[in-house]
Amino acid sequence: MTKRKSVLQRISFVSGVVSFVLALVSGVMLYIRMQSVIGVDNPISASFLASTFFFVCIGIVFTVIGTADIPSFKFDNPEGK
């Protein structure tokens, strides 16, 4: 039995996918930066590497939150009232 995901879970899942895309863009920019004259020892390359790591980790967390089976914490209404 599948439950309907809440709005926040759907937003979290979409944010996770966007984070993975940003990690990919960041990794491509890092690769381009490493191939150019600047090299690996530049602070800009380090910031691209840190951004890639951050976006991958956030993507994992948001995707897990978005796909988790979280129970509903609402109270049921009594039948007689």
PDB file of N, CA and C in Angstrom:
ATOM      1  N   MET A   1       0.829  -1.162   0.000  1.00  0.00           N
ATOM      2  CA  MET A   1       0.000   0.000   0.000  1.00  0.00           C
ATOM      3  C   MET A   1       0.890   1.249   0.000  1.00  0.00           C
ATOM      4  N   THR A   2       0.777   2.055  -1.015  1.00  0.00           N
ATOM      5  CA  THR A   2       1.591   3.257  -1.102  1.00  0.00           C
ATOM      6  C   THR A   2       0.815   4.440  -0.557  1.00  0.00           C
ATOM      7  N   LYS A   3       1.504   5.248   0.189  1.00  0.00           N
ATOM      8  CA  LYS A   3       0.891   6.449   0.741  1.00  0.00           C
ATOM      9  C   LYS A   3       1.168   7.613  -0.194  1.00  0.00           C
ATOM     10  N   ARG A   4       0.315   8.589  -0.114  1.00  0.00           N
ATOM     11  CA  ARG A   4       0.515   9.793  -0.893  1.00  0.00           C
ATOM     12  C   ARG A   4       1.578  10.637  -0.192  1.00  0.00           C
ATOM     13  N   LYS A   5       2.547  11.101  -0.952  1.00  0.00           N
ATOM     14  CA  LYS A   5       3.622  11.920  -0.386  1.00  0.00           C
ATOM     15  C   LYS A   5       3.118  13.336  -0.144  1.00  0.00           C
ATOM     16  N   SER A   6       3.624  13.944   0.905  1.00  0.00           N
ATOM     17  CA  SER A   6       3.217  15.311   1.209  1.00  0.00           C
ATOM     18  C   SER A   6       3.924  16.281   0.262  1.00  0.00           C
ATOM     19  N   VAL A   7       3.482  17.504   0.303  1.00  0.00           N
ATOM     20  CA  VAL A   7       4.057  18.538  -0.562  1.00  0.00           C
ATOM     21  C   VAL A   7       5.531  18.750  -0.216  1.00  0.00           C
ATOM     22  N   LEU A   8       5.843  18.738   1.063  1.00  0.00           N
ATOM     23  CA  LEU A   8       7.231  18.951   1.477  1.00  0.00           C
ATOM     24  C   LEU A   8       8.146  17.812   1.024  1.00  0.00           C
ATOM     25  N   GLN A   9       7.622  16.580   1.006  1.00  0.00           N
ATOM     26  CA  GLN A   9       8.423  15.463   0.524  1.00  0.00           C
ATOM     27  C   GLN A   9       8.664  15.579  -0.974  1.00  0.00           C
ATOM     28  N   ARG A  10       7.676  16.011  -1.707  1.00  0.00           N
ATOM     29  CA  ARG A  10       7.866  16.192  -3.153  1.00  0.00           C
ATOM     30  C   ARG A  10       8.849  17.321  -3.432  1.00  0.00           C
ATOM     31  N   ILE A  11       8.763  18.398  -2.662  1.00  0.00           N
ATOM     32  CA  ILE A  11       9.724  19.497  -2.818  1.00  0.00           C
ATOM     33  C   ILE A  11      11.127  19.021  -2.472  1.00  0.00           C
ATOM     34  N   SER A  12      11.245  18.214  -1.444  1.00  0.00           N
ATOM     35  CA  SER A  12      12.541  17.674  -1.054  1.00  0.00           C
ATOM     36  C   SER A  12      13.136  16.789  -2.149  1.00  0.00           C
ATOM     37  N   PHE A  13      12.297  15.961  -2.763  1.00  0.00           N
ATOM     38  CA  PHE A  13      12.784  15.089  -3.834  1.00  0.00           C
ATOM     39  C   PHE A  13      13.249  15.912  -5.040  1.00  0.00           C
ATOM     40  N   VAL A  14      12.473  16.917  -5.413  1.00  0.00           N
ATOM     41  CA  VAL A  14      12.862  17.774  -6.536  1.00  0.00           C
ATOM     42  C   VAL A  14      14.149  18.539  -6.205  1.00  0.00           C
ATOM     43  N   SER A  15      14.277  18.997  -4.963  1.00  0.00           N
ATOM     44  CA  SER A  15      15.499  19.680  -4.550  1.00  0.00           C
ATOM     45  C   SER A  15      16.707  18.749  -4.604  1.00  0.00           C
ATOM     46  N   GLY A  16      16.492  17.484  -4.283  1.00  0.00           N
ATOM     47  CA  GLY A  16      17.575  16.516  -4.384  1.00  0.00           C
ATOM     48  C   GLY A  16      18.022  16.303  -5.813  1.00  0.00           C
ATOM     49  N   VAL A  17      17.073  16.222  -6.729  1.00  0.00           N
ATOM     50  CA  VAL A  17      17.425  16.057  -8.146  1.00  0.00           C
ATOM     51  C   VAL A  17      18.155  17.298  -8.655  1.00  0.00           C
ATOM     52  N   VAL A  18      17.679  18.484  -8.264  1.00  0.00           N
ATOM     53  CA  VAL A  18      18.349  19.726  -8.662  1.00  0.00           C
ATOM     54  C   VAL A  18      19.759  19.772  -8.078  1.00  0.00           C
ATOM     55  N   SER A  19      19.940  19.293  -6.865  1.00  0.00           N
ATOM     56  CA  SER A  19      21.270  19.256  -6.254  1.00  0.00           C
ATOM     57  C   SER A  19      22.212  18.340  -7.018  1.00  0.00           C
ATOM     58  N   PHE A  20      21.704  17.198  -7.495  1.00  0.00           N
ATOM     59  CA  PHE A  20      22.540  16.308  -8.298  1.00  0.00           C
ATOM     60  C   PHE A  20      22.931  16.971  -9.623  1.00  0.00           C
ATOM     61  N   VAL A  21      22.009  17.706 -10.221  1.00  0.00           N
ATOM     62  CA  VAL A  21      22.328  18.416 -11.468  1.00  0.00           C
ATOM     63  C   VAL A  21      23.380  19.492 -11.207  1.00  0.00           C
ATOM     64  N   LEU A  22      23.238  20.231 -10.113  1.00  0.00           N
ATOM     65  CA  LEU A  22      24.228  21.249  -9.770  1.00  0.00           C
ATOM     66  C   LEU A  22      25.588  20.623  -9.450  1.00  0.00           C
ATOM     67  N   ALA A  23      25.579  19.439  -8.846  1.00  0.00           N
ATOM     68  CA  ALA A  23      26.840  18.741  -8.593  1.00  0.00           C
ATOM     69  C   ALA A  23      27.507  18.359  -9.910  1.00  0.00           C
ATOM     70  N   LEU A  24      26.718  17.931 -10.874  1.00  0.00           N
ATOM     71  CA  LEU A  24      27.265  17.586 -12.179  1.00  0.00           C
ATOM     72  C   LEU A  24      27.857  18.816 -12.864  1.00  0.00           C
ATOM     73  N   VAL A  25      27.140  19.928 -12.816  1.00  0.00           N
ATOM     74  CA  VAL A  25      27.644  21.172 -13.406  1.00  0.00           C
ATOM     75  C   VAL A  25      28.920  21.612 -12.708  1.00  0.00           C
ATOM     76  N   SER A  26      28.936  21.521 -11.405  1.00  0.00           N
ATOM     77  CA  SER A  26      30.111  21.888 -10.628  1.00  0.00           C
ATOM     78  C   SER A  26      31.301  20.986 -10.949  1.00  0.00           C
ATOM     79  N   GLY A  27      31.034  19.692 -11.120  1.00  0.00           N
ATOM     80  CA  GLY A  27      32.108  18.768 -11.478  1.00  0.00           C
ATOM     81  C   GLY A  27      32.656  19.035 -12.867  1.00  0.00           C
ATOM     82  N   VAL A  28      31.789  19.382 -13.814  1.00  0.00           N
ATOM     83  CA  VAL A  28      32.249  19.721 -15.164  1.00  0.00           C
ATOM     84  C   VAL A  28      33.088  20.993 -15.136  1.00  0.00           C
ATOM     85  N   MET A  29      32.638  21.976 -14.370  1.00  0.00           N
ATOM     86  CA  MET A  29      33.427  23.204 -14.254  1.00  0.00           C
ATOM     87  C   MET A  29      34.776  22.946 -13.590  1.00  0.00           C
ATOM     88  N   LEU A  30      34.805  22.052 -12.626  1.00  0.00           N
ATOM     89  CA  LEU A  30      36.067  21.671 -11.995  1.00  0.00           C
ATOM     90  C   LEU A  30      36.991  21.008 -13.003  1.00  0.00           C
ATOM     91  N   TYR A  31      36.448  20.115 -13.812  1.00  0.00           N
ATOM     92  CA  TYR A  31      37.258  19.443 -14.834  1.00  0.00           C
ATOM     93  C   TYR A  31      37.818  20.447 -15.839  1.00  0.00           C
ATOM     94  N   ILE A  32      36.975  21.390 -16.269  1.00  0.00           N
ATOM     95  CA  ILE A  32      37.436  22.415 -17.211  1.00  0.00           C
ATOM     96  C   ILE A  32      38.508  23.290 -16.564  1.00  0.00           C
ATOM     97  N   ARG A  33      38.312  23.614 -15.304  1.00  0.00           N
ATOM     98  CA  ARG A  33      39.267  24.450 -14.576  1.00  0.00           C
ATOM     99  C   ARG A  33      40.606  23.731 -14.402  1.00  0.00           C
ATOM    100  N   MET A  34      40.554  22.415 -14.174  1.00  0.00           N
ATOM    101  CA  MET A  34      41.795  21.653 -13.995  1.00  0.00           C
ATOM    102  C   MET A  34      42.564  21.522 -15.297  1.00  0.00           C
ATOM    103  N   GLN A  35      41.868  21.483 -16.419  1.00  0.00           N
ATOM    104  CA  GLN A  35      42.534  21.344 -17.707  1.00  0.00           C
ATOM    105  C   GLN A  35      43.125  22.665 -18.204  1.00  0.00           C
ATOM    106  N   SER A  36      42.683  23.767 -17.660  1.00  0.00           N
ATOM    107  CA  SER A  36      43.167  25.065 -18.115  1.00  0.00           C
ATOM    108  C   SER A  36      44.487  25.401 -17.432  1.00  0.00           C
ATOM    109  N   VAL A  37      44.901  26.605 -17.616  1.00  0.00           N
ATOM    110  CA  VAL A  37      46.181  27.071 -17.094  1.00  0.00           C
ATOM    111  C   VAL A  37      46.187  27.144 -15.578  1.00  0.00           C
ATOM    112  N   ILE A  38      45.018  27.362 -14.982  1.00  0.00           N
ATOM    113  CA  ILE A  38      44.945  27.594 -13.537  1.00  0.00           C
ATOM    114  C   ILE A  38      45.402  26.371 -12.750  1.00  0.00           C
ATOM    115  N   GLY A  39      44.944  25.187 -13.108  1.00  0.00           N
ATOM    116  CA  GLY A  39      45.371  23.966 -12.429  1.00  0.00           C
ATOM    117  C   GLY A  39      44.595  23.679 -11.161  1.00  0.00           C
ATOM    118  N   VAL A  40      45.116  22.760 -10.380  1.00  0.00           N
ATOM    119  CA  VAL A  40      44.431  22.263  -9.191  1.00  0.00           C
ATOM    120  C   VAL A  40      44.734  23.106  -7.954  1.00  0.00           C
ATOM    121  N   ASP A  41      45.839  23.792  -7.916  1.00  0.00           N
ATOM    122  CA  ASP A  41      46.268  24.502  -6.711  1.00  0.00           C
ATOM    123  C   ASP A  41      45.565  25.843  -6.496  1.00  0.00           C
ATOM    124  N   ASN A  42      44.673  26.220  -7.378  1.00  0.00           N
ATOM    125  CA  ASN A  42      43.976  27.490  -7.278  1.00  0.00           C
ATOM    126  C   ASN A  42      42.792  27.368  -6.323  1.00  0.00           C
ATOM    127  N   PRO A  43      42.498  28.420  -5.563  1.00  0.00           N
ATOM    128  CA  PRO A  43      41.331  28.393  -4.668  1.00  0.00           C
ATOM    129  C   PRO A  43      39.996  28.227  -5.405  1.00  0.00           C
ATOM    130  N   ILE A  44      39.936  28.668  -6.656  1.00  0.00           N
ATOM    131  CA  ILE A  44      38.703  28.507  -7.425  1.00  0.00           C
ATOM    132  C   ILE A  44      38.439  27.025  -7.673  1.00  0.00           C
ATOM    133  N   SER A  45      39.486  26.259  -7.973  1.00  0.00           N
ATOM    134  CA  SER A  45      39.323  24.815  -8.165  1.00  0.00           C
ATOM    135  C   SER A  45      38.891  24.138  -6.872  1.00  0.00           C
ATOM    136  N   ALA A  46      39.440  24.592  -5.752  1.00  0.00           N
ATOM    137  CA  ALA A  46      39.053  24.032  -4.461  1.00  0.00           C
ATOM    138  C   ALA A  46      37.591  24.337  -4.149  1.00  0.00           C
ATOM    139  N   SER A  47      37.135  25.533  -4.516  1.00  0.00           N
ATOM    140  CA  SER A  47      35.735  25.864  -4.248  1.00  0.00           C
ATOM    141  C   SER A  47      34.800  25.042  -5.133  1.00  0.00           C
ATOM    142  N   PHE A  48      35.190  24.759  -6.389  1.00  0.00           N
ATOM    143  CA  PHE A  48      34.376  23.891  -7.232  1.00  0.00           C
ATOM    144  C   PHE A  48      34.335  22.469  -6.668  1.00  0.00           C
ATOM    145  N   LEU A  49      35.452  21.996  -6.134  1.00  0.00           N
ATOM    146  CA  LEU A  49      35.478  20.664  -5.531  1.00  0.00           C
ATOM    147  C   LEU A  49      34.590  20.609  -4.289  1.00  0.00           C
ATOM    148  N   ALA A  50      34.652  21.654  -3.471  1.00  0.00           N
ATOM    149  CA  ALA A  50      33.800  21.708  -2.275  1.00  0.00           C
ATOM    150  C   ALA A  50      32.325  21.803  -2.657  1.00  0.00           C
ATOM    151  N   SER A  51      32.023  22.552  -3.692  1.00  0.00           N
ATOM    152  CA  SER A  51      30.634  22.666  -4.149  1.00  0.00           C
ATOM    153  C   SER A  51      30.111  21.335  -4.666  1.00  0.00           C
ATOM    154  N   THR A  52      30.945  20.618  -5.396  1.00  0.00           N
ATOM    155  CA  THR A  52      30.546  19.306  -5.899  1.00  0.00           C
ATOM    156  C   THR A  52      30.243  18.358  -4.746  1.00  0.00           C
ATOM    157  N   PHE A  53      31.116  18.322  -3.758  1.00  0.00           N
ATOM    158  CA  PHE A  53      30.910  17.467  -2.592  1.00  0.00           C
ATOM    159  C   PHE A  53      29.635  17.854  -1.849  1.00  0.00           C
ATOM    160  N   PHE A  54      29.429  19.151  -1.643  1.00  0.00           N
ATOM    161  CA  PHE A  54      28.245  19.636  -0.930  1.00  0.00           C
ATOM    162  C   PHE A  54      26.967  19.245  -1.662  1.00  0.00           C
ATOM    163  N   PHE A  55      26.910  19.490  -2.974  1.00  0.00           N
ATOM    164  CA  PHE A  55      25.696  19.200  -3.725  1.00  0.00           C
ATOM    165  C   PHE A  55      25.400  17.705  -3.794  1.00  0.00           C
ATOM    166  N   VAL A  56      26.434  16.876  -3.867  1.00  0.00           N
ATOM    167  CA  VAL A  56      26.200  15.427  -3.866  1.00  0.00           C
ATOM    168  C   VAL A  56      25.621  14.985  -2.522  1.00  0.00           C
ATOM    169  N   CYS A  57      26.198  15.472  -1.437  1.00  0.00           N
ATOM    170  CA  CYS A  57      25.701  15.084  -0.106  1.00  0.00           C
ATOM    171  C   CYS A  57      24.279  15.580   0.133  1.00  0.00           C
ATOM    172  N   ILE A  58      23.998  16.817  -0.228  1.00  0.00           N
ATOM    173  CA  ILE A  58      22.653  17.358  -0.061  1.00  0.00           C
ATOM    174  C   ILE A  58      21.670  16.623  -0.960  1.00  0.00           C
ATOM    175  N   GLY A  59      22.103  16.259  -2.165  1.00  0.00           N
ATOM    176  CA  GLY A  59      21.243  15.501  -3.068  1.00  0.00           C
ATOM    177  C   GLY A  59      20.858  14.152  -2.491  1.00  0.00           C
ATOM    178  N   ILE A  60      21.818  13.494  -1.852  1.00  0.00           N
ATOM    179  CA  ILE A  60      21.528  12.197  -1.227  1.00  0.00           C
ATOM    180  C   ILE A  60      20.519  12.366  -0.095  1.00  0.00           C
ATOM    181  N   VAL A  61      20.751  13.346   0.766  1.00  0.00           N
ATOM    182  CA  VAL A  61      19.865  13.556   1.915  1.00  0.00           C
ATOM    183  C   VAL A  61      18.452  13.918   1.467  1.00  0.00           C
ATOM    184  N   PHE A  62      18.329  14.860   0.528  1.00  0.00           N
ATOM    185  CA  PHE A  62      17.000  15.279   0.078  1.00  0.00           C
ATOM    186  C   PHE A  62      16.272  14.162  -0.664  1.00  0.00           C
ATOM    187  N   THR A  63      17.001  13.372  -1.421  1.00  0.00           N
ATOM    188  CA  THR A  63      16.358  12.271  -2.136  1.00  0.00           C
ATOM    189  C   THR A  63      15.849  11.211  -1.157  1.00  0.00           C
ATOM    190  N   VAL A  64      16.617  10.934  -0.121  1.00  0.00           N
ATOM    191  CA  VAL A  64      16.171   9.960   0.884  1.00  0.00           C
ATOM    192  C   VAL A  64      14.946  10.488   1.630  1.00  0.00           C
ATOM    193  N   ILE A  65      14.958  11.764   1.975  1.00  0.00           N
ATOM    194  CA  ILE A  65      13.795  12.355   2.647  1.00  0.00           C
ATOM    195  C   ILE A  65      12.579  12.307   1.736  1.00  0.00           C
ATOM    196  N   GLY A  66      12.777  12.597   0.459  1.00  0.00           N
ATOM    197  CA  GLY A  66      11.658  12.622  -0.475  1.00  0.00           C
ATOM    198  C   GLY A  66      11.072  11.260  -0.772  1.00  0.00           C
ATOM    199  N   THR A  67      11.857  10.199  -0.655  1.00  0.00           N
ATOM    200  CA  THR A  67      11.363   8.859  -0.960  1.00  0.00           C
ATOM    201  C   THR A  67      11.018   8.047   0.287  1.00  0.00           C
ATOM    202  N   ALA A  68      11.226   8.617   1.470  1.00  0.00           N
ATOM    203  CA  ALA A  68      10.955   7.877   2.711  1.00  0.00           C
ATOM    204  C   ALA A  68       9.453   7.685   2.905  1.00  0.00           C
ATOM    205  N   ASP A  69       9.107   6.619   3.599  1.00  0.00           N
ATOM    206  CA  ASP A  69       7.712   6.321   3.907  1.00  0.00           C
ATOM    207  C   ASP A  69       7.421   6.861   5.307  1.00  0.00           C
ATOM    208  N   ILE A  70       7.093   8.129   5.376  1.00  0.00           N
ATOM    209  CA  ILE A  70       6.873   8.802   6.648  1.00  0.00           C
ATOM    210  C   ILE A  70       5.407   8.637   7.032  1.00  0.00           C
ATOM    211  N   PRO A  71       5.145   8.171   8.247  1.00  0.00           N
ATOM    212  CA  PRO A  71       3.742   7.985   8.652  1.00  0.00           C
ATOM    213  C   PRO A  71       3.060   9.326   8.902  1.00  0.00           C
ATOM    214  N   SER A  72       1.766   9.320   8.829  1.00  0.00           N
ATOM    215  CA  SER A  72       0.988  10.515   9.105  1.00  0.00           C
ATOM    216  C   SER A  72       0.862  10.680  10.618  1.00  0.00           C
ATOM    217  N   PHE A  73       1.045  11.887  11.095  1.00  0.00           N
ATOM    218  CA  PHE A  73       0.952  12.155  12.521  1.00  0.00           C
ATOM    219  C   PHE A  73      -0.360  12.843  12.887  1.00  0.00           C
ATOM    220  N   LYS A  74      -1.346  12.801  12.002  1.00  0.00           N
ATOM    221  CA  LYS A  74      -2.641  13.395  12.268  1.00  0.00           C
ATOM    222  C   LYS A  74      -3.454  12.493  13.175  1.00  0.00           C
ATOM    223  N   PHE A  75      -4.264  13.129  14.024  1.00  0.00           N
ATOM    224  CA  PHE A  75      -5.175  12.385  14.883  1.00  0.00           C
ATOM    225  C   PHE A  75      -6.441  12.066  14.103  1.00  0.00           C
ATOM    226  N   ASP A  76      -6.948  10.873  14.286  1.00  0.00           N
ATOM    227  CA  ASP A  76      -8.200  10.506  13.629  1.00  0.00           C
ATOM    228  C   ASP A  76      -9.361  11.160  14.353  1.00  0.00           C
ATOM    229  N   ASN A  77     -10.348  11.587  13.595  1.00  0.00           N
ATOM    230  CA  ASN A  77     -11.555  12.157  14.186  1.00  0.00           C
ATOM    231  C   ASN A  77     -12.412  11.042  14.767  1.00  0.00           C
ATOM    232  N   PRO A  78     -12.926  11.233  15.983  1.00  0.00           N
ATOM    233  CA  PRO A  78     -13.817  10.212  16.543  1.00  0.00           C
ATOM    234  C   PRO A  78     -15.099  10.114  15.724  1.00  0.00           C
ATOM    235  N   GLU A  79     -15.650   8.918  15.627  1.00  0.00           N
ATOM    236  CA  GLU A  79     -16.830   8.677  14.816  1.00  0.00           C
ATOM    237  C   GLU A  79     -18.076   9.390  15.362  1.00  0.00           C
ATOM    238  N   GLY A  80     -18.203   9.500  16.654  1.00  0.00           N
ATOM    239  CA  GLY A  80     -19.407  10.058  17.257  1.00  0.00           C
ATOM    240  C   GLY A  80     -19.459  11.570  17.253  1.00  0.00           C
ATOM    241  N   LYS A  81     -18.415  12.255  16.915  1.00  0.00           N
ATOM    242  CA  LYS A  81     -18.404  13.725  17.017  1.00  0.00           C
ATOM    243  C   LYS A  81     -18.345  14.399  15.690  1.00  0.00           C
TER     244      LYS A  81
END
